[in-house]
Every structure is written in structure tokens, then in C-alpha cells.
Amino acid sequence: MPRPRLTPESVTEAAADLVDEVGFDCLSMGLLAERLGVKTPSLYKHVAGQADLAHRIAVLSLGEFGAAVREAIQGRAGRDALTAGAQAMREYVQQHLGRYAAANAARPDGPDDPLVPAADRVLDSWSAMLRGYRLDPGQEIHALRMLRSMVHGFVTLEVADGFRMDTSVDDSFAWTIEFLDRGLQALAESGD
């Protein structure tokens, strides 16, 4: 069987697929090498090590995540943008839990780190979700943090099977978005 042609990108993609299957905490160079049908030392020609690989997965994940939210909110404003963007996040996490965990664990190594612009694009997408509420600029960072906290908390509990009551999780998610929408509208109307 011919050996696969590896590149830093193909190794990162394979690792991202792997962590979605086995979980970010289970990532290892040996397991990835086995998946790719190569010896572990071959991977070091393309990535510096497991920390570098995890960082590359985080950059990939943030790029995908930002694009998913941006695409979902395109041409929408207010509650429509909020609903579409939050649902895009929910679906991304459900489908790519390992990648999402990698992104949450990553920290930039400096201003030239590709993680910085990838994270900025995610924040830009979330800011665009909020634009229709016409919030005071001083309130936007608080609104972004609240929005991320609420959706992140809900979705990570959901994928961990943390909601075991008989009520529909979809209904609860819609209720949460409605609650957020009303709060953002009230904040915008108060001018505080």
C-alpha cells in the first residue's frame, strides 16, 4: 500500500478528525500516526510535536467556527442573527467537539500567532450578531461575554448529556435565545 503524502495541513486535518472522534484529551502522536498509517517519527517532519499539533487544530477550528457563524448570520439582524449564529455554534460544537475543545484550550504565543486573527474573526462574527441591537459600545464586550457564556454553557452541557429531563432540549435552546434577545433589546432601549 502506498504511503500517504503528508503535509502540515493534512496532518492537522487528520488530527482534527481524530479528536472529534476520540476527544481532545485523547490526542497522541502515536494514535495519529497509526490513523495515518505511518511511523510516529514521520509526523515530526510536519509538526513540531503534540503541542504544536493541538495549536494547529485550534487555529483550524476557530477558522471553521468563525466561518460557520458568519455564513449563518449573513443578511440577518437582531433576533434573526442571534438565533442563526447561536444555532451555528450549537451545530459546530455538536459535530466537532474535539476541535472546539482544542480551540478553548489554546493560548496565543504572541501577536504573530495565527491563532490571533482566527480568534478575532470569531469575535467579529459574534459582534455582527449583536450589531442589530445597537448597543452602546461600552456594553458590547459584556454582551459578547454573556452571549458566549450562555451558548457555550448550554451546548457543552447538551453534548455531555447533562439535560436529562423530559422537556425538549430544542425548546429549551429556543427559550434561552428568546431570553437573550429580550435582554439585549431591553439593554439597547435603556441606553445604559
N, C-alpha and C. Protein backbone atom coordinates (compact mmCIF):
# COMPACT_ATOMS: atom_id res chain seq x y z
N MET A 1 0.84 -1.17 0.00
CA MET A 1 0.00 0.00 0.00
C MET A 1 0.90 1.24 0.00
N PRO A 2 0.61 2.22 -0.90
CA PRO A 2 1.46 3.41 -0.94
C PRO A 2 1.28 4.25 0.33
N ARG A 3 2.36 4.88 0.74
CA ARG A 3 2.31 5.74 1.92
C ARG A 3 1.60 7.04 1.57
N PRO A 4 0.83 7.56 2.50
CA PRO A 4 0.13 8.82 2.23
C PRO A 4 1.11 9.97 2.13
N ARG A 5 0.79 10.94 1.27
CA ARG A 5 1.60 12.15 1.17
C ARG A 5 1.16 13.09 2.28
N LEU A 6 2.04 13.31 3.21
CA LEU A 6 1.70 14.15 4.35
C LEU A 6 2.21 15.57 4.15
N THR A 7 1.42 16.51 4.66
CA THR A 7 1.78 17.92 4.73
C THR A 7 1.36 18.41 6.11
N PRO A 8 1.83 19.56 6.54
CA PRO A 8 1.34 20.07 7.82
C PRO A 8 -0.18 20.19 7.84
N GLU A 9 -0.76 20.58 6.71
CA GLU A 9 -2.21 20.74 6.63
C GLU A 9 -2.94 19.40 6.71
N SER A 10 -2.43 18.39 5.98
CA SER A 10 -3.11 17.09 6.00
C SER A 10 -2.98 16.42 7.37
N VAL A 11 -1.85 16.62 8.03
CA VAL A 11 -1.66 16.06 9.37
C VAL A 11 -2.63 16.75 10.34
N THR A 12 -2.76 18.07 10.21
CA THR A 12 -3.67 18.82 11.09
C THR A 12 -5.11 18.40 10.86
N GLU A 13 -5.51 18.27 9.60
CA GLU A 13 -6.88 17.84 9.28
C GLU A 13 -7.15 16.45 9.86
N ALA A 14 -6.21 15.53 9.69
CA ALA A 14 -6.39 14.18 10.21
C ALA A 14 -6.49 14.20 11.74
N ALA A 15 -5.67 15.03 12.36
CA ALA A 15 -5.71 15.14 13.83
C ALA A 15 -7.03 15.75 14.29
N ALA A 16 -7.53 16.73 13.54
CA ALA A 16 -8.82 17.35 13.89
C ALA A 16 -9.95 16.32 13.79
N ASP A 17 -9.93 15.53 12.74
CA ASP A 17 -10.94 14.46 12.61
C ASP A 17 -10.82 13.47 13.76
N LEU A 18 -9.58 13.15 14.12
CA LEU A 18 -9.33 12.19 15.20
C LEU A 18 -9.87 12.71 16.53
N VAL A 19 -9.59 13.97 16.86
CA VAL A 19 -10.06 14.47 18.17
C VAL A 19 -11.58 14.60 18.20
N ASP A 20 -12.20 14.79 17.04
CA ASP A 20 -13.67 14.78 17.02
C ASP A 20 -14.21 13.40 17.34
N GLU A 21 -13.45 12.38 17.01
CA GLU A 21 -13.89 11.00 17.28
C GLU A 21 -13.56 10.54 18.71
N VAL A 22 -12.33 10.82 19.14
CA VAL A 22 -11.86 10.24 20.41
C VAL A 22 -11.82 11.25 21.55
N GLY A 23 -11.93 12.53 21.26
CA GLY A 23 -11.84 13.57 22.27
C GLY A 23 -10.47 14.20 22.27
N PHE A 24 -10.45 15.49 22.53
CA PHE A 24 -9.19 16.24 22.51
C PHE A 24 -8.19 15.70 23.53
N ASP A 25 -8.66 15.29 24.69
CA ASP A 25 -7.78 14.79 25.74
C ASP A 25 -7.10 13.48 25.36
N CYS A 26 -7.62 12.79 24.36
CA CYS A 26 -7.04 11.51 23.95
C CYS A 26 -6.08 11.63 22.78
N LEU A 27 -5.85 12.85 22.31
CA LEU A 27 -4.92 13.05 21.19
C LEU A 27 -3.51 12.62 21.58
N SER A 28 -2.89 11.84 20.71
CA SER A 28 -1.48 11.49 20.89
C SER A 28 -0.86 11.33 19.51
N MET A 29 0.43 11.58 19.45
CA MET A 29 1.14 11.45 18.18
C MET A 29 1.10 10.00 17.70
N GLY A 30 1.21 9.07 18.62
CA GLY A 30 1.17 7.65 18.25
C GLY A 30 -0.17 7.25 17.65
N LEU A 31 -1.24 7.69 18.25
CA LEU A 31 -2.57 7.37 17.74
C LEU A 31 -2.79 7.99 16.37
N LEU A 32 -2.31 9.23 16.19
CA LEU A 32 -2.45 9.88 14.88
C LEU A 32 -1.60 9.17 13.83
N ALA A 33 -0.40 8.79 14.19
CA ALA A 33 0.45 8.06 13.25
C ALA A 33 -0.21 6.75 12.81
N GLU A 34 -0.77 6.06 13.79
CA GLU A 34 -1.48 4.82 13.48
C GLU A 34 -2.62 5.08 12.51
N ARG A 35 -3.38 6.15 12.75
CA ARG A 35 -4.50 6.51 11.89
C ARG A 35 -4.02 6.80 10.46
N LEU A 36 -2.87 7.45 10.35
CA LEU A 36 -2.34 7.83 9.03
C LEU A 36 -1.54 6.71 8.37
N GLY A 37 -1.28 5.65 9.10
CA GLY A 37 -0.53 4.53 8.54
C GLY A 37 0.96 4.82 8.38
N VAL A 38 1.49 5.62 9.30
CA VAL A 38 2.91 5.95 9.27
C VAL A 38 3.52 5.69 10.65
N LYS A 39 4.82 5.76 10.71
CA LYS A 39 5.51 5.67 12.00
C LYS A 39 5.47 7.05 12.66
N THR A 40 5.40 7.07 13.96
CA THR A 40 5.29 8.32 14.71
C THR A 40 6.36 9.34 14.34
N PRO A 41 7.63 8.95 14.20
CA PRO A 41 8.65 9.95 13.86
C PRO A 41 8.37 10.68 12.54
N SER A 42 7.63 10.07 11.63
CA SER A 42 7.30 10.72 10.35
C SER A 42 6.49 11.99 10.56
N LEU A 43 5.69 12.02 11.61
CA LEU A 43 4.85 13.19 11.87
C LEU A 43 5.67 14.42 12.21
N TYR A 44 6.84 14.21 12.81
CA TYR A 44 7.67 15.33 13.26
C TYR A 44 8.33 16.07 12.10
N LYS A 45 8.19 15.56 10.90
CA LYS A 45 8.64 16.29 9.72
C LYS A 45 7.63 17.38 9.34
N HIS A 46 6.42 17.27 9.91
CA HIS A 46 5.33 18.16 9.50
C HIS A 46 4.79 19.03 10.64
N VAL A 47 4.94 18.56 11.87
CA VAL A 47 4.55 19.34 13.05
C VAL A 47 5.65 19.18 14.10
N ALA A 48 5.81 20.19 14.93
CA ALA A 48 6.91 20.18 15.91
C ALA A 48 6.68 19.21 17.06
N GLY A 49 5.45 18.84 17.30
CA GLY A 49 5.13 17.95 18.40
C GLY A 49 3.66 18.04 18.72
N GLN A 50 3.26 17.41 19.80
CA GLN A 50 1.84 17.37 20.14
C GLN A 50 1.29 18.74 20.48
N ALA A 51 2.06 19.59 21.16
CA ALA A 51 1.59 20.94 21.50
C ALA A 51 1.37 21.76 20.23
N ASP A 52 2.29 21.65 19.28
CA ASP A 52 2.14 22.35 18.00
C ASP A 52 0.92 21.83 17.26
N LEU A 53 0.74 20.53 17.27
CA LEU A 53 -0.42 19.93 16.60
C LEU A 53 -1.73 20.42 17.22
N ALA A 54 -1.80 20.43 18.54
CA ALA A 54 -3.01 20.92 19.22
C ALA A 54 -3.28 22.38 18.87
N HIS A 55 -2.22 23.17 18.78
CA HIS A 55 -2.35 24.59 18.43
C HIS A 55 -2.88 24.73 17.00
N ARG A 56 -2.37 23.91 16.11
CA ARG A 56 -2.83 23.95 14.71
C ARG A 56 -4.31 23.55 14.61
N ILE A 57 -4.72 22.57 15.40
CA ILE A 57 -6.14 22.18 15.42
C ILE A 57 -6.98 23.35 15.90
N ALA A 58 -6.50 24.07 16.90
CA ALA A 58 -7.24 25.22 17.43
C ALA A 58 -7.41 26.30 16.36
N VAL A 59 -6.35 26.59 15.63
CA VAL A 59 -6.43 27.60 14.56
C VAL A 59 -7.43 27.14 13.50
N LEU A 60 -7.34 25.88 13.10
CA LEU A 60 -8.29 25.32 12.13
C LEU A 60 -9.72 25.44 12.64
N SER A 61 -9.93 25.06 13.88
CA SER A 61 -11.26 25.09 14.47
C SER A 61 -11.83 26.50 14.51
N LEU A 62 -11.04 27.46 14.96
CA LEU A 62 -11.54 28.84 15.03
C LEU A 62 -11.88 29.37 13.65
N GLY A 63 -11.09 29.00 12.65
CA GLY A 63 -11.41 29.41 11.28
C GLY A 63 -12.73 28.83 10.81
N GLU A 64 -12.92 27.55 11.05
CA GLU A 64 -14.18 26.90 10.66
C GLU A 64 -15.36 27.47 11.43
N PHE A 65 -15.18 27.63 12.73
CA PHE A 65 -16.24 28.12 13.59
C PHE A 65 -16.66 29.54 13.20
N GLY A 66 -15.68 30.41 13.01
CA GLY A 66 -15.97 31.79 12.61
C GLY A 66 -16.71 31.84 11.28
N ALA A 67 -16.28 31.00 10.34
CA ALA A 67 -16.94 30.96 9.03
C ALA A 67 -18.37 30.45 9.15
N ALA A 68 -18.59 29.47 9.99
CA ALA A 68 -19.95 28.92 10.17
C ALA A 68 -20.89 29.97 10.73
N VAL A 69 -20.44 30.71 11.72
CA VAL A 69 -21.28 31.76 12.31
C VAL A 69 -21.50 32.88 11.29
N ARG A 70 -20.44 33.31 10.63
CA ARG A 70 -20.54 34.38 9.63
C ARG A 70 -21.53 34.01 8.53
N GLU A 71 -21.42 32.79 8.04
CA GLU A 71 -22.33 32.34 6.98
C GLU A 71 -23.78 32.29 7.48
N ALA A 72 -23.97 31.85 8.71
CA ALA A 72 -25.32 31.72 9.26
C ALA A 72 -26.01 33.07 9.45
N ILE A 73 -25.25 34.09 9.79
CA ILE A 73 -25.87 35.39 10.08
C ILE A 73 -25.92 36.31 8.88
N GLN A 74 -25.32 35.89 7.78
CA GLN A 74 -25.27 36.72 6.58
C GLN A 74 -26.66 37.24 6.21
N GLY A 75 -26.80 38.56 6.11
CA GLY A 75 -28.07 39.17 5.72
C GLY A 75 -29.12 39.20 6.81
N ARG A 76 -28.75 38.88 8.04
CA ARG A 76 -29.71 38.87 9.15
C ARG A 76 -29.32 39.93 10.17
N ALA A 77 -30.28 40.30 10.98
CA ALA A 77 -30.03 41.27 12.05
C ALA A 77 -30.91 40.95 13.25
N GLY A 78 -30.55 41.51 14.41
CA GLY A 78 -31.36 41.37 15.60
C GLY A 78 -31.55 39.91 15.99
N ARG A 79 -32.79 39.58 16.35
CA ARG A 79 -33.07 38.23 16.83
C ARG A 79 -32.78 37.17 15.77
N ASP A 80 -33.01 37.47 14.49
CA ASP A 80 -32.72 36.50 13.43
C ASP A 80 -31.23 36.16 13.40
N ALA A 81 -30.38 37.18 13.53
CA ALA A 81 -28.93 36.94 13.53
C ALA A 81 -28.52 36.20 14.80
N LEU A 82 -29.09 36.59 15.93
CA LEU A 82 -28.78 35.92 17.20
C LEU A 82 -29.15 34.45 17.13
N THR A 83 -30.34 34.15 16.65
CA THR A 83 -30.80 32.76 16.55
C THR A 83 -29.93 31.96 15.60
N ALA A 84 -29.67 32.52 14.42
CA ALA A 84 -28.88 31.80 13.42
C ALA A 84 -27.44 31.58 13.89
N GLY A 85 -26.84 32.60 14.49
CA GLY A 85 -25.46 32.47 14.96
C GLY A 85 -25.33 31.50 16.12
N ALA A 86 -26.27 31.56 17.06
CA ALA A 86 -26.23 30.64 18.20
C ALA A 86 -26.46 29.21 17.74
N GLN A 87 -27.35 29.01 16.79
CA GLN A 87 -27.61 27.67 16.26
C GLN A 87 -26.38 27.15 15.51
N ALA A 88 -25.71 28.04 14.79
CA ALA A 88 -24.48 27.63 14.08
C ALA A 88 -23.42 27.18 15.07
N MET A 89 -23.30 27.90 16.19
CA MET A 89 -22.35 27.49 17.22
C MET A 89 -22.74 26.14 17.79
N ARG A 90 -24.01 25.99 18.08
CA ARG A 90 -24.51 24.74 18.65
C ARG A 90 -24.19 23.56 17.72
N GLU A 91 -24.48 23.72 16.46
CA GLU A 91 -24.23 22.64 15.49
C GLU A 91 -22.74 22.37 15.34
N TYR A 92 -21.93 23.42 15.33
CA TYR A 92 -20.48 23.21 15.20
C TYR A 92 -19.95 22.40 16.38
N VAL A 93 -20.35 22.77 17.58
CA VAL A 93 -19.87 22.05 18.76
C VAL A 93 -20.37 20.61 18.76
N GLN A 94 -21.62 20.40 18.38
CA GLN A 94 -22.17 19.04 18.33
C GLN A 94 -21.38 18.16 17.35
N GLN A 95 -20.99 18.74 16.23
CA GLN A 95 -20.30 17.97 15.19
C GLN A 95 -18.79 17.90 15.39
N HIS A 96 -18.23 18.87 16.12
CA HIS A 96 -16.76 18.98 16.23
C HIS A 96 -16.33 19.27 17.67
N LEU A 97 -16.77 18.45 18.57
CA LEU A 97 -16.49 18.68 19.98
C LEU A 97 -14.99 18.68 20.28
N GLY A 98 -14.24 17.81 19.66
CA GLY A 98 -12.79 17.76 19.89
C GLY A 98 -12.09 19.01 19.40
N ARG A 99 -12.45 19.46 18.22
CA ARG A 99 -11.86 20.70 17.67
C ARG A 99 -12.22 21.89 18.56
N TYR A 100 -13.47 21.93 18.99
CA TYR A 100 -13.93 23.02 19.84
C TYR A 100 -13.15 23.03 21.15
N ALA A 101 -12.90 21.87 21.71
CA ALA A 101 -12.12 21.77 22.95
C ALA A 101 -10.69 22.26 22.71
N ALA A 102 -10.12 21.94 21.57
CA ALA A 102 -8.77 22.41 21.23
C ALA A 102 -8.74 23.93 21.17
N ALA A 103 -9.75 24.52 20.55
CA ALA A 103 -9.81 25.98 20.44
C ALA A 103 -9.93 26.64 21.81
N ASN A 104 -10.71 26.04 22.70
CA ASN A 104 -10.88 26.60 24.04
C ASN A 104 -9.62 26.46 24.89
N ALA A 105 -8.81 25.46 24.60
CA ALA A 105 -7.59 25.23 25.38
C ALA A 105 -6.41 26.06 24.89
N ALA A 106 -6.47 26.57 23.67
CA ALA A 106 -5.33 27.24 23.06
C ALA A 106 -5.13 28.66 23.58
N ARG A 107 -3.87 29.05 23.65
CA ARG A 107 -3.49 30.41 24.02
C ARG A 107 -2.49 30.92 22.99
N PRO A 108 -2.61 32.16 22.56
CA PRO A 108 -1.67 32.67 21.56
C PRO A 108 -0.24 32.75 22.09
N ASP A 109 0.71 32.48 21.20
CA ASP A 109 2.13 32.54 21.55
C ASP A 109 2.72 33.94 21.35
N GLY A 110 1.95 34.84 20.81
CA GLY A 110 2.42 36.19 20.54
C GLY A 110 1.56 36.84 19.49
N PRO A 111 1.84 38.10 19.14
CA PRO A 111 0.97 38.83 18.21
C PRO A 111 0.98 38.26 16.79
N ASP A 112 2.01 37.52 16.41
CA ASP A 112 2.08 36.96 15.06
C ASP A 112 1.51 35.56 14.97
N ASP A 113 1.02 35.05 16.07
CA ASP A 113 0.44 33.71 16.11
C ASP A 113 -0.83 33.68 15.25
N PRO A 114 -0.98 32.72 14.36
CA PRO A 114 -2.20 32.64 13.53
C PRO A 114 -3.48 32.44 14.34
N LEU A 115 -3.33 32.09 15.60
CA LEU A 115 -4.50 31.96 16.46
C LEU A 115 -5.17 33.32 16.68
N VAL A 116 -4.38 34.39 16.70
CA VAL A 116 -4.92 35.73 16.98
C VAL A 116 -5.92 36.17 15.91
N PRO A 117 -5.56 36.17 14.62
CA PRO A 117 -6.57 36.59 13.63
C PRO A 117 -7.75 35.62 13.54
N ALA A 118 -7.50 34.33 13.79
CA ALA A 118 -8.61 33.36 13.76
C ALA A 118 -9.60 33.67 14.87
N ALA A 119 -9.11 33.96 16.07
CA ALA A 119 -9.98 34.31 17.19
C ALA A 119 -10.67 35.65 16.93
N ASP A 120 -9.95 36.59 16.33
CA ASP A 120 -10.56 37.89 16.00
C ASP A 120 -11.72 37.74 15.02
N ARG A 121 -11.59 36.83 14.07
CA ARG A 121 -12.69 36.61 13.11
C ARG A 121 -13.92 36.04 13.80
N VAL A 122 -13.70 35.19 14.80
CA VAL A 122 -14.85 34.67 15.57
C VAL A 122 -15.51 35.82 16.31
N LEU A 123 -14.71 36.65 16.97
CA LEU A 123 -15.28 37.80 17.70
C LEU A 123 -15.99 38.76 16.75
N ASP A 124 -15.44 38.96 15.56
CA ASP A 124 -16.09 39.82 14.58
C ASP A 124 -17.46 39.26 14.18
N SER A 125 -17.54 37.95 14.04
CA SER A 125 -18.82 37.31 13.69
C SER A 125 -19.83 37.49 14.81
N TRP A 126 -19.36 37.29 16.07
CA TRP A 126 -20.26 37.47 17.20
C TRP A 126 -20.68 38.94 17.34
N SER A 127 -19.76 39.86 17.09
CA SER A 127 -20.11 41.28 17.14
C SER A 127 -21.16 41.60 16.08
N ALA A 128 -21.02 41.00 14.91
CA ALA A 128 -22.01 41.22 13.84
C ALA A 128 -23.39 40.70 14.26
N MET A 129 -23.41 39.63 15.04
CA MET A 129 -24.69 39.11 15.54
C MET A 129 -25.39 40.15 16.41
N LEU A 130 -24.60 40.91 17.14
CA LEU A 130 -25.16 41.88 18.09
C LEU A 130 -25.43 43.25 17.47
N ARG A 131 -24.89 43.49 16.29
CA ARG A 131 -24.98 44.82 15.68
C ARG A 131 -26.41 45.33 15.58
N GLY A 132 -27.35 44.47 15.26
CA GLY A 132 -28.73 44.89 15.10
C GLY A 132 -29.37 45.39 16.39
N TYR A 133 -28.76 45.13 17.53
CA TYR A 133 -29.31 45.60 18.80
C TYR A 133 -28.88 47.04 19.11
N ARG A 134 -27.93 47.55 18.37
CA ARG A 134 -27.45 48.93 18.53
C ARG A 134 -27.06 49.23 19.99
N LEU A 135 -26.25 48.34 20.53
CA LEU A 135 -25.80 48.50 21.91
C LEU A 135 -24.79 49.63 22.01
N ASP A 136 -24.74 50.24 23.17
CA ASP A 136 -23.70 51.22 23.46
C ASP A 136 -22.36 50.48 23.35
N PRO A 137 -21.36 51.06 22.68
CA PRO A 137 -20.07 50.37 22.54
C PRO A 137 -19.47 49.90 23.85
N GLY A 138 -19.73 50.62 24.93
CA GLY A 138 -19.21 50.20 26.23
C GLY A 138 -19.87 48.94 26.76
N GLN A 139 -21.03 48.60 26.23
CA GLN A 139 -21.75 47.40 26.66
C GLN A 139 -21.45 46.18 25.79
N GLU A 140 -20.87 46.40 24.61
CA GLU A 140 -20.71 45.30 23.67
C GLU A 140 -19.85 44.17 24.21
N ILE A 141 -18.73 44.49 24.86
CA ILE A 141 -17.86 43.43 25.37
C ILE A 141 -18.58 42.59 26.42
N HIS A 142 -19.40 43.24 27.24
CA HIS A 142 -20.17 42.49 28.24
C HIS A 142 -21.21 41.60 27.57
N ALA A 143 -21.84 42.13 26.53
CA ALA A 143 -22.83 41.34 25.79
C ALA A 143 -22.17 40.15 25.09
N LEU A 144 -20.99 40.37 24.53
CA LEU A 144 -20.26 39.27 23.88
C LEU A 144 -19.91 38.17 24.88
N ARG A 145 -19.45 38.57 26.04
CA ARG A 145 -19.08 37.58 27.06
C ARG A 145 -20.30 36.83 27.56
N MET A 146 -21.40 37.55 27.75
CA MET A 146 -22.63 36.90 28.21
C MET A 146 -23.13 35.91 27.17
N LEU A 147 -23.15 36.35 25.92
CA LEU A 147 -23.63 35.50 24.84
C LEU A 147 -22.79 34.24 24.71
N ARG A 148 -21.48 34.41 24.70
CA ARG A 148 -20.60 33.24 24.59
C ARG A 148 -20.79 32.31 25.79
N SER A 149 -20.86 32.88 26.98
CA SER A 149 -21.03 32.06 28.18
C SER A 149 -22.32 31.26 28.16
N MET A 150 -23.40 31.91 27.78
CA MET A 150 -24.70 31.24 27.76
C MET A 150 -24.73 30.11 26.73
N VAL A 151 -24.31 30.41 25.51
CA VAL A 151 -24.38 29.40 24.46
C VAL A 151 -23.36 28.29 24.71
N HIS A 152 -22.14 28.67 25.10
CA HIS A 152 -21.12 27.66 25.41
C HIS A 152 -21.60 26.73 26.53
N GLY A 153 -22.10 27.32 27.59
CA GLY A 153 -22.57 26.51 28.72
C GLY A 153 -23.69 25.57 28.32
N PHE A 154 -24.65 26.09 27.59
CA PHE A 154 -25.79 25.27 27.17
C PHE A 154 -25.31 24.10 26.31
N VAL A 155 -24.52 24.42 25.30
CA VAL A 155 -24.12 23.40 24.33
C VAL A 155 -23.18 22.37 24.94
N THR A 156 -22.25 22.80 25.79
CA THR A 156 -21.35 21.81 26.38
C THR A 156 -22.10 20.90 27.35
N LEU A 157 -23.10 21.43 28.04
CA LEU A 157 -23.95 20.56 28.85
C LEU A 157 -24.75 19.61 27.98
N GLU A 158 -25.25 20.12 26.88
CA GLU A 158 -26.06 19.29 25.97
C GLU A 158 -25.25 18.12 25.42
N VAL A 159 -24.03 18.38 24.92
CA VAL A 159 -23.24 17.29 24.33
C VAL A 159 -22.74 16.31 25.38
N ALA A 160 -22.68 16.75 26.64
CA ALA A 160 -22.28 15.85 27.73
C ALA A 160 -23.49 15.12 28.32
N ASP A 161 -24.64 15.22 27.66
CA ASP A 161 -25.88 14.61 28.11
C ASP A 161 -26.26 15.10 29.51
N GLY A 162 -26.06 16.41 29.72
CA GLY A 162 -26.34 16.99 31.01
C GLY A 162 -27.79 17.40 31.24
N PHE A 163 -28.61 17.33 30.19
CA PHE A 163 -30.02 17.67 30.33
C PHE A 163 -30.83 16.39 30.25
N ARG A 164 -31.23 15.88 31.38
CA ARG A 164 -31.89 14.57 31.41
C ARG A 164 -33.38 14.65 31.72
N MET A 165 -33.94 15.84 31.68
CA MET A 165 -35.38 15.97 31.92
C MET A 165 -36.14 15.69 30.63
N ASP A 166 -37.41 15.43 30.74
CA ASP A 166 -38.21 15.07 29.57
C ASP A 166 -38.50 16.22 28.62
N THR A 167 -38.32 17.45 29.04
CA THR A 167 -38.59 18.61 28.18
C THR A 167 -37.60 18.65 27.03
N SER A 168 -38.09 19.03 25.85
CA SER A 168 -37.26 19.11 24.65
C SER A 168 -36.08 20.06 24.85
N VAL A 169 -34.88 19.59 24.53
CA VAL A 169 -33.69 20.42 24.61
C VAL A 169 -33.77 21.52 23.55
N ASP A 170 -34.33 21.21 22.39
CA ASP A 170 -34.50 22.23 21.35
C ASP A 170 -35.40 23.36 21.85
N ASP A 171 -36.47 23.01 22.56
CA ASP A 171 -37.35 24.04 23.12
C ASP A 171 -36.61 24.88 24.15
N SER A 172 -35.80 24.25 24.96
CA SER A 172 -35.02 24.98 25.96
C SER A 172 -34.01 25.91 25.29
N PHE A 173 -33.40 25.45 24.21
CA PHE A 173 -32.44 26.30 23.50
C PHE A 173 -33.16 27.51 22.90
N ALA A 174 -34.32 27.29 22.29
CA ALA A 174 -35.10 28.40 21.73
C ALA A 174 -35.51 29.38 22.84
N TRP A 175 -35.89 28.85 24.00
CA TRP A 175 -36.26 29.69 25.14
C TRP A 175 -35.07 30.54 25.59
N THR A 176 -33.87 29.93 25.61
CA THR A 176 -32.66 30.65 26.01
C THR A 176 -32.37 31.79 25.04
N ILE A 177 -32.51 31.53 23.74
CA ILE A 177 -32.25 32.57 22.74
C ILE A 177 -33.28 33.68 22.88
N GLU A 178 -34.53 33.33 23.11
CA GLU A 178 -35.56 34.35 23.30
C GLU A 178 -35.24 35.20 24.54
N PHE A 179 -34.79 34.56 25.60
CA PHE A 179 -34.42 35.26 26.82
C PHE A 179 -33.27 36.24 26.54
N LEU A 180 -32.26 35.78 25.83
CA LEU A 180 -31.13 36.64 25.47
C LEU A 180 -31.58 37.80 24.61
N ASP A 181 -32.43 37.52 23.64
CA ASP A 181 -32.94 38.56 22.74
C ASP A 181 -33.67 39.64 23.53
N ARG A 182 -34.55 39.23 24.42
CA ARG A 182 -35.30 40.21 25.22
C ARG A 182 -34.37 41.05 26.09
N GLY A 183 -33.37 40.41 26.67
CA GLY A 183 -32.42 41.14 27.50
C GLY A 183 -31.61 42.15 26.69
N LEU A 184 -31.17 41.73 25.50
CA LEU A 184 -30.41 42.64 24.64
C LEU A 184 -31.28 43.79 24.16
N GLN A 185 -32.53 43.50 23.83
CA GLN A 185 -33.44 44.58 23.41
C GLN A 185 -33.66 45.57 24.55
N ALA A 186 -33.89 45.06 25.74
CA ALA A 186 -34.10 45.92 26.90
C ALA A 186 -32.86 46.78 27.18
N LEU A 187 -31.69 46.19 27.07
CA LEU A 187 -30.45 46.93 27.29
C LEU A 187 -30.30 48.05 26.26
N ALA A 188 -30.58 47.72 25.00
CA ALA A 188 -30.47 48.72 23.94
C ALA A 188 -31.47 49.86 24.16
N GLU A 189 -32.69 49.51 24.58
CA GLU A 189 -33.73 50.52 24.79
C GLU A 189 -33.43 51.41 26.00
N SER A 190 -32.76 50.86 27.01
CA SER A 190 -32.47 51.64 28.21
C SER A 190 -31.32 52.62 27.97
N GLY A 191 -30.48 52.30 26.98
CA GLY A 191 -29.34 53.17 26.69
C GLY A 191 -28.22 53.11 27.71
N ASP A 192 -28.30 52.16 28.64
CA ASP A 192 -27.26 52.04 29.68
C ASP A 192 -26.05 51.27 29.19
